[in-house]
Amino acid sequence: MSASLVIIESHDLDTGERMRDVFEVTPAPEPGRERAVLAEVVAGIHPGAIERSYADRVGTFRDGRREITAWLEAAEGAPPDGAPEPDPAQERLFDA
């Protein structure tokens, strides 16, 4: 089962404080659901955040004086999006 990481970075415009949160999403979002998943995770951390833009699996949000950027990445060890599943016959090619 593949997993994705949701990375959320927020920046307080008044103080300059920066925060970074990382969450694992298992299973990885189905194609076309990435935007909704980002919005759900951001809303859990910043309930008042409003989406400003979304493109290429990156969403920007605003919560009062905080700017928030959220994006998806493949979890470590997970194949990149669109990578073919390994062929089971290939895995046995060098078995003793």
C-alpha atoms as a PDB file:
ATOM      1  CA  MET A   1       0.000   0.000   0.000  1.00  0.00           C
ATOM      2  CA  SER A   2       1.501   3.310  -0.989  1.00  0.00           C
ATOM      3  CA  ALA A   3       1.568   6.344   1.242  1.00  0.00           C
ATOM      4  CA  SER A   4       2.017  10.049   0.727  1.00  0.00           C
ATOM      5  CA  LEU A   5       3.341  12.764   2.960  1.00  0.00           C
ATOM      6  CA  VAL A   6       1.480  16.028   3.391  1.00  0.00           C
ATOM      7  CA  ILE A   7       3.949  18.793   4.225  1.00  0.00           C
ATOM      8  CA  ILE A   8       2.512  21.998   5.678  1.00  0.00           C
ATOM      9  CA  GLU A   9       4.645  25.107   6.119  1.00  0.00           C
ATOM     10  CA  SER A  10       3.181  28.205   7.712  1.00  0.00           C
ATOM     11  CA  HIS A  11       4.609  31.678   8.075  1.00  0.00           C
ATOM     12  CA  ASP A  12       3.391  34.321  10.517  1.00  0.00           C
ATOM     13  CA  LEU A  13       3.563  37.604   8.615  1.00  0.00           C
ATOM     14  CA  ASP A  14       3.833  39.689  11.808  1.00  0.00           C
ATOM     15  CA  THR A  15       6.490  37.782  13.743  1.00  0.00           C
ATOM     16  CA  GLY A  16       8.265  35.897  10.971  1.00  0.00           C
ATOM     17  CA  GLU A  17       7.762  32.633  12.880  1.00  0.00           C
ATOM     18  CA  ARG A  18       7.803  29.574  10.618  1.00  0.00           C
ATOM     19  CA  MET A  19       6.365  26.174  11.373  1.00  0.00           C
ATOM     20  CA  ARG A  20       6.566  22.894   9.479  1.00  0.00           C
ATOM     21  CA  ASP A  21       4.329  19.855  10.008  1.00  0.00           C
ATOM     22  CA  VAL A  22       4.534  16.525   8.181  1.00  0.00           C
ATOM     23  CA  PHE A  23       1.731  13.948   8.098  1.00  0.00           C
ATOM     24  CA  GLU A  24       1.602  10.530   6.460  1.00  0.00           C
ATOM     25  CA  VAL A  25      -1.539   9.736   4.483  1.00  0.00           C
ATOM     26  CA  THR A  26      -2.181   6.035   3.907  1.00  0.00           C
ATOM     27  CA  PRO A  27      -3.306   5.035   1.383  1.00  0.00           C
ATOM     28  CA  ALA A  28      -2.032   7.761  -0.910  1.00  0.00           C
ATOM     29  CA  PRO A  29      -4.838   9.941  -2.310  1.00  0.00           C
ATOM     30  CA  GLU A  30      -6.410   8.738  -5.519  1.00  0.00           C
ATOM     31  CA  PRO A  31      -5.629  10.878  -8.561  1.00  0.00           C
ATOM     32  CA  GLY A  32      -7.900  13.894  -8.538  1.00  0.00           C
ATOM     33  CA  ARG A  33      -8.339  13.861  -4.726  1.00  0.00           C
ATOM     34  CA  GLU A  34      -5.034  15.519  -3.839  1.00  0.00           C
ATOM     35  CA  ARG A  35      -6.531  18.995  -3.483  1.00  0.00           C
ATOM     36  CA  ALA A  36      -9.288  17.782  -1.149  1.00  0.00           C
ATOM     37  CA  VAL A  37      -6.795  15.862   0.990  1.00  0.00           C
ATOM     38  CA  LEU A  38      -4.550  18.921   1.349  1.00  0.00           C
ATOM     39  CA  ALA A  39      -7.534  21.068   2.330  1.00  0.00           C
ATOM     40  CA  GLU A  40      -8.665  18.505   4.932  1.00  0.00           C
ATOM     41  CA  VAL A  41      -5.237  18.209   6.548  1.00  0.00           C
ATOM     42  CA  VAL A  42      -4.680  21.988   6.567  1.00  0.00           C
ATOM     43  CA  ALA A  43      -8.127  22.520   8.120  1.00  0.00           C
ATOM     44  CA  GLY A  44      -7.156  20.153  10.930  1.00  0.00           C
ATOM     45  CA  ILE A  45      -4.138  22.324  11.826  1.00  0.00           C
ATOM     46  CA  HIS A  46      -5.488  25.747  10.822  1.00  0.00           C
ATOM     47  CA  PRO A  47      -9.317  25.557  11.112  1.00  0.00           C
ATOM     48  CA  GLY A  48      -9.836  29.093   9.789  1.00  0.00           C
ATOM     49  CA  ALA A  49      -7.604  28.702   6.730  1.00  0.00           C
ATOM     50  CA  ILE A  50      -9.034  29.672   3.350  1.00  0.00           C
ATOM     51  CA  GLU A  51      -7.614  28.239   0.147  1.00  0.00           C
ATOM     52  CA  ARG A  52      -6.035  30.913  -2.042  1.00  0.00           C
ATOM     53  CA  SER A  53      -4.691  28.792  -4.905  1.00  0.00           C
ATOM     54  CA  TYR A  54      -3.885  25.249  -6.003  1.00  0.00           C
ATOM     55  CA  ALA A  55      -1.612  24.024  -8.805  1.00  0.00           C
ATOM     56  CA  ASP A  56       0.662  21.028  -9.355  1.00  0.00           C
ATOM     57  CA  ARG A  57      -0.267  19.347  -6.036  1.00  0.00           C
ATOM     58  CA  VAL A  58       0.608  22.491  -4.044  1.00  0.00           C
ATOM     59  CA  GLY A  59      -2.021  24.495  -2.199  1.00  0.00           C
ATOM     60  CA  THR A  60      -1.669  27.930  -0.636  1.00  0.00           C
ATOM     61  CA  PHE A  61      -3.931  29.036   2.181  1.00  0.00           C
ATOM     62  CA  ARG A  62      -4.392  32.063   4.418  1.00  0.00           C
ATOM     63  CA  ASP A  63      -5.400  32.000   8.072  1.00  0.00           C
ATOM     64  CA  GLY A  64      -5.494  35.527   9.445  1.00  0.00           C
ATOM     65  CA  ARG A  65      -1.886  36.682   9.352  1.00  0.00           C
ATOM     66  CA  ARG A  66      -0.482  33.237   8.533  1.00  0.00           C
ATOM     67  CA  GLU A  67       0.429  32.176   5.016  1.00  0.00           C
ATOM     68  CA  ILE A  68       0.275  28.413   4.602  1.00  0.00           C
ATOM     69  CA  THR A  69       1.711  26.239   1.853  1.00  0.00           C
ATOM     70  CA  ALA A  70       0.860  22.543   1.676  1.00  0.00           C
ATOM     71  CA  TRP A  71       1.959  19.871  -0.775  1.00  0.00           C
ATOM     72  CA  LEU A  72       2.128  16.118  -1.295  1.00  0.00           C
ATOM     73  CA  GLU A  73       5.223  13.975  -1.672  1.00  0.00           C
ATOM     74  CA  ALA A  74       5.662  10.228  -1.974  1.00  0.00           C
ATOM     75  CA  ALA A  75       6.540   8.699   1.387  1.00  0.00           C
ATOM     76  CA  GLU A  76      10.081   7.349   1.672  1.00  0.00           C
ATOM     77  CA  GLY A  77      10.298   3.967   0.027  1.00  0.00           C
ATOM     78  CA  ALA A  78       7.084   4.517  -1.912  1.00  0.00           C
ATOM     79  CA  PRO A  79       7.278   4.464  -5.694  1.00  0.00           C
ATOM     80  CA  PRO A  80       6.796   7.860  -7.349  1.00  0.00           C
ATOM     81  CA  ASP A  81       3.336   8.630  -8.721  1.00  0.00           C
ATOM     82  CA  GLY A  82       2.759   6.958 -12.045  1.00  0.00           C
ATOM     83  CA  ALA A  83       5.539   4.400 -11.518  1.00  0.00           C
ATOM     84  CA  PRO A  84       4.568   0.948 -12.756  1.00  0.00           C
ATOM     85  CA  GLU A  85       4.020  -1.781 -10.192  1.00  0.00           C
ATOM     86  CA  PRO A  86       6.952  -4.210 -10.023  1.00  0.00           C
ATOM     87  CA  ASP A  87       6.510  -7.319 -12.135  1.00  0.00           C
ATOM     88  CA  PRO A  88       6.332 -10.338  -9.761  1.00  0.00           C
ATOM     89  CA  ALA A  89       8.152 -12.476 -12.353  1.00  0.00           C
ATOM     90  CA  GLN A  90      11.038  -9.985 -12.388  1.00  0.00           C
ATOM     91  CA  GLU A  91      11.378 -10.214  -8.621  1.00  0.00           C
ATOM     92  CA  ARG A  92      11.895 -13.988  -8.954  1.00  0.00           C
ATOM     93  CA  LEU A  93      14.423 -13.662 -11.757  1.00  0.00           C
ATOM     94  CA  PHE A  94      17.446 -14.104  -9.462  1.00  0.00           C
ATOM     95  CA  ASP A  95      15.903 -16.151  -6.649  1.00  0.00           C
ATOM     96  CA  ALA A  96      18.003 -19.188  -5.742  1.00  0.00           C
END
